[in-house]
């Protein structure tokens, strides 16, 4: 079975995800933003595989940086959050989201 969410909702300052395997995950929005996998936030590999960039260091976050404006699905494998500070280039695969936090509840 391919891992995918059956429901995603913002609840307060968390993103709640119900998965097709019955697990539920709750991701703090600040953690989600700081774990942004885009090249600007996470760095970019060179031809040798070395990551260049800051991985969040030197990022100028504001309160709006951690406010979710919405999100879009990318194909059948990821979501792309839109943050209130205008940032929207991070594409979070379903597997990446699942790894960010351990599931806390089985149904």
PDB file of N, CA and C in Angstrom:
ATOM      1  N   UNK A   1       0.838  -1.171   0.000  1.00  0.00           N
ATOM      2  CA  UNK A   1       0.000   0.000   0.000  1.00  0.00           C
ATOM      3  C   UNK A   1       0.896   1.251   0.000  1.00  0.00           C
ATOM      4  N   UNK A   2       0.572   2.185  -0.870  1.00  0.00           N
ATOM      5  CA  UNK A   2       1.320   3.437  -0.941  1.00  0.00           C
ATOM      6  C   UNK A   2       0.834   4.377   0.158  1.00  0.00           C
ATOM      7  N   UNK A   3       1.764   4.934   0.929  1.00  0.00           N
ATOM      8  CA  UNK A   3       1.433   5.835   2.023  1.00  0.00           C
ATOM      9  C   UNK A   3       0.916   7.155   1.468  1.00  0.00           C
ATOM     10  N   UNK A   4      -0.282   7.544   1.911  1.00  0.00           N
ATOM     11  CA  UNK A   4      -0.817   8.844   1.528  1.00  0.00           C
ATOM     12  C   UNK A   4      -1.842   9.290   2.562  1.00  0.00           C
ATOM     13  N   UNK A   5      -2.015  10.606   2.680  1.00  0.00           N
ATOM     14  CA  UNK A   5      -3.001  11.104   3.637  1.00  0.00           C
ATOM     15  C   UNK A   5      -4.417  10.949   3.103  1.00  0.00           C
ATOM     16  N   UNK A   6      -5.345  10.692   4.023  1.00  0.00           N
ATOM     17  CA  UNK A   6      -6.753  10.668   3.652  1.00  0.00           C
ATOM     18  C   UNK A   6      -7.441  11.951   4.074  1.00  0.00           C
ATOM     19  N   UNK A   7      -6.802  12.695   4.997  1.00  0.00           N
ATOM     20  CA  UNK A   7      -7.355  13.961   5.458  1.00  0.00           C
ATOM     21  C   UNK A   7      -6.231  14.794   6.044  1.00  0.00           C
ATOM     22  N   UNK A   8      -6.177  16.068   5.678  1.00  0.00           N
ATOM     23  CA  UNK A   8      -5.212  17.012   6.252  1.00  0.00           C
ATOM     24  C   UNK A   8      -5.976  18.260   6.652  1.00  0.00           C
ATOM     25  N   UNK A   9      -5.779  18.690   7.905  1.00  0.00           N
ATOM     26  CA  UNK A   9      -6.438  19.898   8.400  1.00  0.00           C
ATOM     27  C   UNK A   9      -5.519  20.628   9.355  1.00  0.00           C
ATOM     28  N   UNK A  10      -5.632  21.943   9.357  1.00  0.00           N
ATOM     29  CA  UNK A  10      -4.947  22.724  10.366  1.00  0.00           C
ATOM     30  C   UNK A  10      -5.838  22.792  11.592  1.00  0.00           C
ATOM     31  N   UNK A  11      -5.258  22.459  12.741  1.00  0.00           N
ATOM     32  CA  UNK A  11      -5.954  22.558  14.012  1.00  0.00           C
ATOM     33  C   UNK A  11      -5.061  23.388  14.921  1.00  0.00           C
ATOM     34  N   UNK A  12      -5.443  24.617  15.151  1.00  0.00           N
ATOM     35  CA  UNK A  12      -4.609  25.512  15.957  1.00  0.00           C
ATOM     36  C   UNK A  12      -3.271  25.731  15.286  1.00  0.00           C
ATOM     37  N   UNK A  13      -2.201  25.468  16.017  1.00  0.00           N
ATOM     38  CA  UNK A  13      -0.858  25.651  15.459  1.00  0.00           C
ATOM     39  C   UNK A  13      -0.244  24.321  15.006  1.00  0.00           C
ATOM     40  N   UNK A  14      -1.103  23.368  14.644  1.00  0.00           N
ATOM     41  CA  UNK A  14      -0.634  22.074  14.162  1.00  0.00           C
ATOM     42  C   UNK A  14      -1.306  21.704  12.844  1.00  0.00           C
ATOM     43  N   UNK A  15      -0.608  20.888  12.077  1.00  0.00           N
ATOM     44  CA  UNK A  15      -1.186  20.277  10.893  1.00  0.00           C
ATOM     45  C   UNK A  15      -1.510  18.831  11.262  1.00  0.00           C
ATOM     46  N   UNK A  16      -2.784  18.495  11.228  1.00  0.00           N
ATOM     47  CA  UNK A  16      -3.231  17.144  11.573  1.00  0.00           C
ATOM     48  C   UNK A  16      -3.381  16.341  10.287  1.00  0.00           C
ATOM     49  N   UNK A  17      -2.779  15.165  10.263  1.00  0.00           N
ATOM     50  CA  UNK A  17      -2.810  14.311   9.076  1.00  0.00           C
ATOM     51  C   UNK A  17      -3.325  12.928   9.462  1.00  0.00           C
ATOM     52  N   UNK A  18      -4.354  12.492   8.781  1.00  0.00           N
ATOM     53  CA  UNK A  18      -4.832  11.117   8.929  1.00  0.00           C
ATOM     54  C   UNK A  18      -4.319  10.355   7.713  1.00  0.00           C
ATOM     55  N   UNK A  19      -3.664   9.232   7.952  1.00  0.00           N
ATOM     56  CA  UNK A  19      -3.027   8.451   6.895  1.00  0.00           C
ATOM     57  C   UNK A  19      -3.893   7.257   6.502  1.00  0.00           C
ATOM     58  N   UNK A  20      -3.661   6.753   5.306  1.00  0.00           N
ATOM     59  CA  UNK A  20      -4.445   5.627   4.798  1.00  0.00           C
ATOM     60  C   UNK A  20      -4.131   4.308   5.519  1.00  0.00           C
ATOM     61  N   UNK A  21      -3.130   4.295   6.397  1.00  0.00           N
ATOM     62  CA  UNK A  21      -2.856   3.092   7.187  1.00  0.00           C
ATOM     63  C   UNK A  21      -3.467   3.186   8.590  1.00  0.00           C
ATOM     64  N   UNK A  22      -4.303   4.223   8.821  1.00  0.00           N
ATOM     65  CA  UNK A  22      -4.975   4.380  10.100  1.00  0.00           C
ATOM     66  C   UNK A  22      -4.238   5.227  11.115  1.00  0.00           C
ATOM     67  N   UNK A  23      -3.002   5.612  10.842  1.00  0.00           N
ATOM     68  CA  UNK A  23      -2.234   6.438  11.777  1.00  0.00           C
ATOM     69  C   UNK A  23      -2.642   7.900  11.647  1.00  0.00           C
ATOM     70  N   UNK A  24      -2.411   8.665  12.707  1.00  0.00           N
ATOM     71  CA  UNK A  24      -2.616  10.108  12.702  1.00  0.00           C
ATOM     72  C   UNK A  24      -1.323  10.766  13.141  1.00  0.00           C
ATOM     73  N   UNK A  25      -0.977  11.871  12.500  1.00  0.00           N
ATOM     74  CA  UNK A  25       0.210  12.646  12.855  1.00  0.00           C
ATOM     75  C   UNK A  25      -0.204  14.076  13.122  1.00  0.00           C
ATOM     76  N   UNK A  26       0.481  14.712  14.064  1.00  0.00           N
ATOM     77  CA  UNK A  26       0.239  16.115  14.378  1.00  0.00           C
ATOM     78  C   UNK A  26       1.580  16.835  14.288  1.00  0.00           C
ATOM     79  N   UNK A  27       1.685  17.751  13.338  1.00  0.00           N
ATOM     80  CA  UNK A  27       2.942  18.452  13.097  1.00  0.00           C
ATOM     81  C   UNK A  27       2.814  19.905  13.527  1.00  0.00           C
ATOM     82  N   UNK A  28       3.659  20.325  14.453  1.00  0.00           N
ATOM     83  CA  UNK A  28       3.708  21.716  14.863  1.00  0.00           C
ATOM     84  C   UNK A  28       4.091  22.567  13.646  1.00  0.00           C
ATOM     85  N   UNK A  29       3.374  23.661  13.406  1.00  0.00           N
ATOM     86  CA  UNK A  29       3.633  24.479  12.212  1.00  0.00           C
ATOM     87  C   UNK A  29       5.037  25.081  12.218  1.00  0.00           C
ATOM     88  N   UNK A  30       5.540  25.427  13.392  1.00  0.00           N
ATOM     89  CA  UNK A  30       6.902  25.975  13.447  1.00  0.00           C
ATOM     90  C   UNK A  30       7.916  24.907  13.039  1.00  0.00           C
ATOM     91  N   UNK A  31       7.738  23.689  13.530  1.00  0.00           N
ATOM     92  CA  UNK A  31       8.615  22.585  13.136  1.00  0.00           C
ATOM     93  C   UNK A  31       8.512  22.343  11.630  1.00  0.00           C
ATOM     94  N   UNK A  32       7.281  22.367  11.115  1.00  0.00           N
ATOM     95  CA  UNK A  32       7.068  22.137   9.689  1.00  0.00           C
ATOM     96  C   UNK A  32       7.807  23.179   8.856  1.00  0.00           C
ATOM     97  N   UNK A  33       7.683  24.447   9.226  1.00  0.00           N
ATOM     98  CA  UNK A  33       8.353  25.511   8.458  1.00  0.00           C
ATOM     99  C   UNK A  33       9.869  25.399   8.576  1.00  0.00           C
ATOM    100  N   UNK A  34      10.363  25.155   9.761  1.00  0.00           N
ATOM    101  CA  UNK A  34      11.822  25.056   9.940  1.00  0.00           C
ATOM    102  C   UNK A  34      12.408  23.841   9.230  1.00  0.00           C
ATOM    103  N   UNK A  35      11.573  22.845   8.922  1.00  0.00           N
ATOM    104  CA  UNK A  35      12.028  21.645   8.207  1.00  0.00           C
ATOM    105  C   UNK A  35      11.788  21.760   6.703  1.00  0.00           C
ATOM    106  N   UNK A  36      11.534  22.968   6.227  1.00  0.00           N
ATOM    107  CA  UNK A  36      11.252  23.161   4.801  1.00  0.00           C
ATOM    108  C   UNK A  36      12.374  22.581   3.945  1.00  0.00           C
ATOM    109  N   UNK A  37      12.025  21.705   2.996  1.00  0.00           N
ATOM    110  CA  UNK A  37      13.044  21.040   2.188  1.00  0.00           C
ATOM    111  C   UNK A  37      13.465  21.793   0.925  1.00  0.00           C
ATOM    112  N   UNK A  38      12.989  23.034   0.726  1.00  0.00           N
ATOM    113  CA  UNK A  38      13.366  23.744  -0.502  1.00  0.00           C
ATOM    114  C   UNK A  38      14.850  24.107  -0.473  1.00  0.00           C
ATOM    115  N   UNK A  39      15.412  24.404  -1.625  1.00  0.00           N
ATOM    116  CA  UNK A  39      16.837  24.712  -1.725  1.00  0.00           C
ATOM    117  C   UNK A  39      17.206  25.961  -0.926  1.00  0.00           C
ATOM    118  N   UNK A  40      16.332  26.952  -0.895  1.00  0.00           N
ATOM    119  CA  UNK A  40      16.635  28.183  -0.154  1.00  0.00           C
ATOM    120  C   UNK A  40      16.706  27.930   1.342  1.00  0.00           C
ATOM    121  N   UNK A  41      15.846  27.082   1.866  1.00  0.00           N
ATOM    122  CA  UNK A  41      15.819  26.799   3.304  1.00  0.00           C
ATOM    123  C   UNK A  41      16.762  25.672   3.700  1.00  0.00           C
ATOM    124  N   UNK A  42      16.799  24.624   2.917  1.00  0.00           N
ATOM    125  CA  UNK A  42      17.522  23.426   3.300  1.00  0.00           C
ATOM    126  C   UNK A  42      18.892  23.269   2.690  1.00  0.00           C
ATOM    127  N   UNK A  43      19.275  24.158   1.804  1.00  0.00           N
ATOM    128  CA  UNK A  43      20.545  24.016   1.119  1.00  0.00           C
ATOM    129  C   UNK A  43      20.361  23.218  -0.152  1.00  0.00           C
ATOM    130  N   UNK A  44      21.399  23.184  -0.942  1.00  0.00           N
ATOM    131  CA  UNK A  44      21.324  22.529  -2.238  1.00  0.00           C
ATOM    132  C   UNK A  44      22.586  21.689  -2.442  1.00  0.00           C
ATOM    133  N   UNK A  45      22.440  20.436  -2.898  1.00  0.00           N
ATOM    134  CA  UNK A  45      23.630  19.599  -3.087  1.00  0.00           C
ATOM    135  C   UNK A  45      24.407  20.015  -4.338  1.00  0.00           C
ATOM    136  N   UNK A  46      25.751  19.980  -4.207  1.00  0.00           N
ATOM    137  CA  UNK A  46      26.580  20.208  -5.382  1.00  0.00           C
ATOM    138  C   UNK A  46      26.811  18.865  -6.082  1.00  0.00           C
ATOM    139  N   UNK A  47      27.629  18.844  -7.107  1.00  0.00           N
ATOM    140  CA  UNK A  47      27.831  17.607  -7.872  1.00  0.00           C
ATOM    141  C   UNK A  47      28.477  16.503  -7.040  1.00  0.00           C
ATOM    142  N   UNK A  48      29.135  16.856  -5.959  1.00  0.00           N
ATOM    143  CA  UNK A  48      29.767  15.869  -5.091  1.00  0.00           C
ATOM    144  C   UNK A  48      28.836  15.422  -3.957  1.00  0.00           C
ATOM    145  N   UNK A  49      27.625  16.014  -3.896  1.00  0.00           N
ATOM    146  CA  UNK A  49      26.677  15.648  -2.853  1.00  0.00           C
ATOM    147  C   UNK A  49      26.790  16.473  -1.591  1.00  0.00           C
ATOM    148  N   UNK A  50      27.717  17.428  -1.568  1.00  0.00           N
ATOM    149  CA  UNK A  50      27.858  18.304  -0.407  1.00  0.00           C
ATOM    150  C   UNK A  50      26.736  19.335  -0.420  1.00  0.00           C
ATOM    151  N   UNK A  51      26.144  19.551   0.739  1.00  0.00           N
ATOM    152  CA  UNK A  51      25.047  20.497   0.844  1.00  0.00           C
ATOM    153  C   UNK A  51      25.614  21.892   1.095  1.00  0.00           C
ATOM    154  N   UNK A  52      25.210  22.820   0.249  1.00  0.00           N
ATOM    155  CA  UNK A  52      25.566  24.219   0.461  1.00  0.00           C
ATOM    156  C   UNK A  52      24.293  24.955   0.819  1.00  0.00           C
ATOM    157  N   UNK A  53      24.381  25.816   1.782  1.00  0.00           N
ATOM    158  CA  UNK A  53      23.210  26.541   2.247  1.00  0.00           C
ATOM    159  C   UNK A  53      23.214  26.589   3.753  1.00  0.00           C
ATOM    160  N   UNK A  54      22.123  27.031   4.314  1.00  0.00           N
ATOM    161  CA  UNK A  54      22.125  27.332   5.736  1.00  0.00           C
ATOM    162  C   UNK A  54      21.269  26.407   6.591  1.00  0.00           C
ATOM    163  N   UNK A  55      20.372  25.620   6.012  1.00  0.00           N
ATOM    164  CA  UNK A  55      19.426  24.768   6.739  1.00  0.00           C
ATOM    165  C   UNK A  55      18.806  25.539   7.903  1.00  0.00           C
ATOM    166  N   UNK A  56      18.184  26.661   7.532  1.00  0.00           N
ATOM    167  CA  UNK A  56      17.457  27.437   8.522  1.00  0.00           C
ATOM    168  C   UNK A  56      18.290  28.463   9.271  1.00  0.00           C
ATOM    169  N   UNK A  57      19.611  28.290   9.305  1.00  0.00           N
ATOM    170  CA  UNK A  57      20.450  29.286   9.972  1.00  0.00           C
ATOM    171  C   UNK A  57      20.477  30.532   9.098  1.00  0.00           C
ATOM    172  N   UNK A  58      20.354  31.666   9.702  1.00  0.00           N
ATOM    173  CA  UNK A  58      20.386  32.900   8.949  1.00  0.00           C
ATOM    174  C   UNK A  58      19.057  33.241   8.285  1.00  0.00           C
ATOM    175  N   UNK A  59      18.072  32.362   8.436  1.00  0.00           N
ATOM    176  CA  UNK A  59      16.755  32.661   7.892  1.00  0.00           C
ATOM    177  C   UNK A  59      16.137  33.757   8.755  1.00  0.00           C
ATOM    178  N   UNK A  60      15.473  34.671   8.120  1.00  0.00           N
ATOM    179  CA  UNK A  60      14.795  35.735   8.854  1.00  0.00           C
ATOM    180  C   UNK A  60      13.322  35.381   8.976  1.00  0.00           C
ATOM    181  N   UNK A  61      12.990  34.703  10.049  1.00  0.00           N
ATOM    182  CA  UNK A  61      11.608  34.314  10.287  1.00  0.00           C
ATOM    183  C   UNK A  61      10.875  35.449  10.996  1.00  0.00           C
ATOM    184  N   UNK A  62       9.620  35.575  10.699  1.00  0.00           N
ATOM    185  CA  UNK A  62       8.741  36.492  11.416  1.00  0.00           C
ATOM    186  C   UNK A  62       7.586  35.660  11.966  1.00  0.00           C
ATOM    187  N   UNK A  63       6.680  36.295  12.690  1.00  0.00           N
ATOM    188  CA  UNK A  63       5.518  35.559  13.187  1.00  0.00           C
ATOM    189  C   UNK A  63       4.721  34.960  12.031  1.00  0.00           C
ATOM    190  N   UNK A  64       4.639  35.666  10.910  1.00  0.00           N
ATOM    191  CA  UNK A  64       3.894  35.182   9.748  1.00  0.00           C
ATOM    192  C   UNK A  64       4.561  33.967   9.102  1.00  0.00           C
ATOM    193  N   UNK A  65       5.855  33.765   9.378  1.00  0.00           N
ATOM    194  CA  UNK A  65       6.578  32.619   8.815  1.00  0.00           C
ATOM    195  C   UNK A  65       6.010  31.298   9.291  1.00  0.00           C
ATOM    196  N   UNK A  66       5.347  31.305  10.440  1.00  0.00           N
ATOM    197  CA  UNK A  66       4.824  30.082  11.031  1.00  0.00           C
ATOM    198  C   UNK A  66       3.303  29.995  10.965  1.00  0.00           C
ATOM    199  N   UNK A  67       2.699  30.895  10.167  1.00  0.00           N
ATOM    200  CA  UNK A  67       1.261  30.878   9.957  1.00  0.00           C
ATOM    201  C   UNK A  67       0.965  30.279   8.588  1.00  0.00           C
ATOM    202  N   UNK A  68       0.206  29.226   8.579  1.00  0.00           N
ATOM    203  CA  UNK A  68      -0.123  28.534   7.339  1.00  0.00           C
ATOM    204  C   UNK A  68      -1.286  29.249   6.648  1.00  0.00           C
ATOM    205  N   UNK A  69      -1.065  29.666   5.402  1.00  0.00           N
ATOM    206  CA  UNK A  69      -2.122  30.307   4.616  1.00  0.00           C
ATOM    207  C   UNK A  69      -2.945  29.254   3.882  1.00  0.00           C
ATOM    208  N   UNK A  70      -2.353  28.093   3.639  1.00  0.00           N
ATOM    209  CA  UNK A  70      -3.021  27.012   2.936  1.00  0.00           C
ATOM    210  C   UNK A  70      -1.980  26.052   2.391  1.00  0.00           C
ATOM    211  N   UNK A  71      -2.425  25.089   1.614  1.00  0.00           N
ATOM    212  CA  UNK A  71      -1.484  24.155   0.996  1.00  0.00           C
ATOM    213  C   UNK A  71      -2.135  23.574  -0.251  1.00  0.00           C
ATOM    214  N   UNK A  72      -1.281  23.095  -1.133  1.00  0.00           N
ATOM    215  CA  UNK A  72      -1.723  22.464  -2.369  1.00  0.00           C
ATOM    216  C   UNK A  72      -1.115  21.069  -2.434  1.00  0.00           C
ATOM    217  N   UNK A  73      -1.843  20.147  -3.058  1.00  0.00           N
ATOM    218  CA  UNK A  73      -1.283  18.818  -3.307  1.00  0.00           C
ATOM    219  C   UNK A  73      -0.436  18.882  -4.568  1.00  0.00           C
ATOM    220  N   UNK A  74       0.671  18.170  -4.542  1.00  0.00           N
ATOM    221  CA  UNK A  74       1.568  18.081  -5.697  1.00  0.00           C
ATOM    222  C   UNK A  74       1.517  16.634  -6.172  1.00  0.00           C
ATOM    223  N   UNK A  75       0.944  16.443  -7.358  1.00  0.00           N
ATOM    224  CA  UNK A  75       0.791  15.085  -7.863  1.00  0.00           C
ATOM    225  C   UNK A  75       0.092  14.228  -6.824  1.00  0.00           C
ATOM    226  N   UNK A  76       0.497  13.004  -6.709  1.00  0.00           N
ATOM    227  CA  UNK A  76      -0.059  12.105  -5.708  1.00  0.00           C
ATOM    228  C   UNK A  76       0.956  11.758  -4.657  1.00  0.00           C
ATOM    229  N   UNK A  77       1.958  12.654  -4.450  1.00  0.00           N
ATOM    230  CA  UNK A  77       3.056  12.280  -3.562  1.00  0.00           C
ATOM    231  C   UNK A  77       3.470  13.332  -2.541  1.00  0.00           C
ATOM    232  N   UNK A  78       2.905  14.548  -2.582  1.00  0.00           N
ATOM    233  CA  UNK A  78       3.423  15.602  -1.713  1.00  0.00           C
ATOM    234  C   UNK A  78       2.397  16.714  -1.502  1.00  0.00           C
ATOM    235  N   UNK A  79       2.697  17.566  -0.521  1.00  0.00           N
ATOM    236  CA  UNK A  79       1.949  18.802  -0.316  1.00  0.00           C
ATOM    237  C   UNK A  79       2.931  19.969  -0.354  1.00  0.00           C
ATOM    238  N   UNK A  80       2.416  21.119  -0.751  1.00  0.00           N
ATOM    239  CA  UNK A  80       3.218  22.333  -0.827  1.00  0.00           C
ATOM    240  C   UNK A  80       2.529  23.422   0.000  1.00  0.00           C
ATOM    241  N   UNK A  81       3.034  23.663   1.222  1.00  0.00           N
ATOM    242  CA  UNK A  81       2.429  24.682   2.074  1.00  0.00           C
ATOM    243  C   UNK A  81       2.658  26.095   1.525  1.00  0.00           C
ATOM    244  N   UNK A  82       1.686  26.960   1.792  1.00  0.00           N
ATOM    245  CA  UNK A  82       1.800  28.387   1.500  1.00  0.00           C
ATOM    246  C   UNK A  82       1.754  29.105   2.846  1.00  0.00           C
ATOM    247  N   UNK A  83       2.838  29.824   3.152  1.00  0.00           N
ATOM    248  CA  UNK A  83       2.965  30.499   4.439  1.00  0.00           C
ATOM    249  C   UNK A  83       2.586  31.969   4.298  1.00  0.00           C
ATOM    250  N   UNK A  84       2.115  32.566   5.374  1.00  0.00           N
ATOM    251  CA  UNK A  84       1.629  33.955   5.340  1.00  0.00           C
ATOM    252  C   UNK A  84       2.732  34.965   5.043  1.00  0.00           C
ATOM    253  N   UNK A  85       4.001  34.587   5.189  1.00  0.00           N
ATOM    254  CA  UNK A  85       5.082  35.509   4.836  1.00  0.00           C
ATOM    255  C   UNK A  85       5.427  35.445   3.345  1.00  0.00           C
ATOM    256  N   UNK A  86       4.674  34.645   2.576  1.00  0.00           N
ATOM    257  CA  UNK A  86       4.887  34.556   1.134  1.00  0.00           C
ATOM    258  C   UNK A  86       5.700  33.363   0.682  1.00  0.00           C
ATOM    259  N   UNK A  87       6.319  32.643   1.608  1.00  0.00           N
ATOM    260  CA  UNK A  87       7.141  31.487   1.225  1.00  0.00           C
ATOM    261  C   UNK A  87       6.237  30.332   0.794  1.00  0.00           C
ATOM    262  N   UNK A  88       6.574  29.715  -0.349  1.00  0.00           N
ATOM    263  CA  UNK A  88       5.732  28.602  -0.821  1.00  0.00           C
ATOM    264  C   UNK A  88       6.478  27.649  -1.737  1.00  0.00           C
ATOM    265  N   UNK A  89       7.789  27.582  -1.629  1.00  0.00           N
ATOM    266  CA  UNK A  89       8.552  26.736  -2.546  1.00  0.00           C
ATOM    267  C   UNK A  89       8.886  25.351  -1.996  1.00  0.00           C
ATOM    268  N   UNK A  90       8.567  25.090  -0.739  1.00  0.00           N
ATOM    269  CA  UNK A  90       8.869  23.779  -0.162  1.00  0.00           C
ATOM    270  C   UNK A  90       7.847  22.729  -0.574  1.00  0.00           C
ATOM    271  N   UNK A  91       8.325  21.622  -1.090  1.00  0.00           N
ATOM    272  CA  UNK A  91       7.462  20.497  -1.442  1.00  0.00           C
ATOM    273  C   UNK A  91       7.789  19.357  -0.489  1.00  0.00           C
ATOM    274  N   UNK A  92       6.818  18.994   0.333  1.00  0.00           N
ATOM    275  CA  UNK A  92       6.995  17.993   1.378  1.00  0.00           C
ATOM    276  C   UNK A  92       6.372  16.681   0.907  1.00  0.00           C
ATOM    277  N   UNK A  93       7.193  15.689   0.607  1.00  0.00           N
ATOM    278  CA  UNK A  93       6.646  14.392   0.206  1.00  0.00           C
ATOM    279  C   UNK A  93       5.902  13.784   1.389  1.00  0.00           C
ATOM    280  N   UNK A  94       4.966  12.900   1.092  1.00  0.00           N
ATOM    281  CA  UNK A  94       4.214  12.245   2.163  1.00  0.00           C
ATOM    282  C   UNK A  94       5.155  11.489   3.092  1.00  0.00           C
ATOM    283  N   UNK A  95       6.172  10.823   2.540  1.00  0.00           N
ATOM    284  CA  UNK A  95       7.124  10.087   3.370  1.00  0.00           C
ATOM    285  C   UNK A  95       7.908  11.036   4.278  1.00  0.00           C
ATOM    286  N   UNK A  96       8.277  12.211   3.749  1.00  0.00           N
ATOM    287  CA  UNK A  96       9.009  13.203   4.543  1.00  0.00           C
ATOM    288  C   UNK A  96       8.132  13.693   5.699  1.00  0.00           C
ATOM    289  N   UNK A  97       6.870  13.994   5.405  1.00  0.00           N
ATOM    290  CA  UNK A  97       5.952  14.430   6.459  1.00  0.00           C
ATOM    291  C   UNK A  97       5.829  13.373   7.553  1.00  0.00           C
ATOM    292  N   UNK A  98       5.725  12.139   7.145  1.00  0.00           N
ATOM    293  CA  UNK A  98       5.567  11.043   8.109  1.00  0.00           C
ATOM    294  C   UNK A  98       6.811  10.913   8.989  1.00  0.00           C
ATOM    295  N   UNK A  99       7.980  11.153   8.419  1.00  0.00           N
ATOM    296  CA  UNK A  99       9.214  11.054   9.188  1.00  0.00           C
ATOM    297  C   UNK A  99       9.423  12.227  10.140  1.00  0.00           C
ATOM    298  N   UNK A 100       8.780  13.361   9.882  1.00  0.00           N
ATOM    299  CA  UNK A 100       8.993  14.520  10.734  1.00  0.00           C
ATOM    300  C   UNK A 100       8.501  14.319  12.163  1.00  0.00           C
ATOM    301  N   UNK A 101       7.491  13.496  12.307  1.00  0.00           N
ATOM    302  CA  UNK A 101       6.969  13.236  13.643  1.00  0.00           C
ATOM    303  C   UNK A 101       6.420  11.821  13.663  1.00  0.00           C
ATOM    304  N   UNK A 102       6.584  11.168  14.754  1.00  0.00           N
ATOM    305  CA  UNK A 102       6.064   9.814  14.884  1.00  0.00           C
ATOM    306  C   UNK A 102       4.538   9.877  14.992  1.00  0.00           C
ATOM    307  N   UNK A 103       3.827   8.941  14.398  1.00  0.00           N
ATOM    308  CA  UNK A 103       2.370   8.886  14.568  1.00  0.00           C
ATOM    309  C   UNK A 103       2.035   8.730  16.047  1.00  0.00           C
ATOM    310  N   UNK A 104       0.972   9.368  16.482  1.00  0.00           N
ATOM    311  CA  UNK A 104       0.648   9.318  17.900  1.00  0.00           C
ATOM    312  C   UNK A 104      -0.612   8.537  18.206  1.00  0.00           C
ATOM    313  N   UNK A 105      -1.353   8.121  17.180  1.00  0.00           N
ATOM    314  CA  UNK A 105      -2.617   7.458  17.471  1.00  0.00           C
ATOM    315  C   UNK A 105      -2.981   6.484  16.361  1.00  0.00           C
ATOM    316  N   UNK A 106      -3.401   5.313  16.725  1.00  0.00           N
ATOM    317  CA  UNK A 106      -3.936   4.345  15.761  1.00  0.00           C
ATOM    318  C   UNK A 106      -5.436   4.315  15.889  1.00  0.00           C
ATOM    319  N   UNK A 107      -6.106   4.128  14.737  1.00  0.00           N
ATOM    320  CA  UNK A 107      -7.570   4.012  14.777  1.00  0.00           C
ATOM    321  C   UNK A 107      -7.996   2.642  14.333  1.00  0.00           C
TER     322      UNK A 107
END
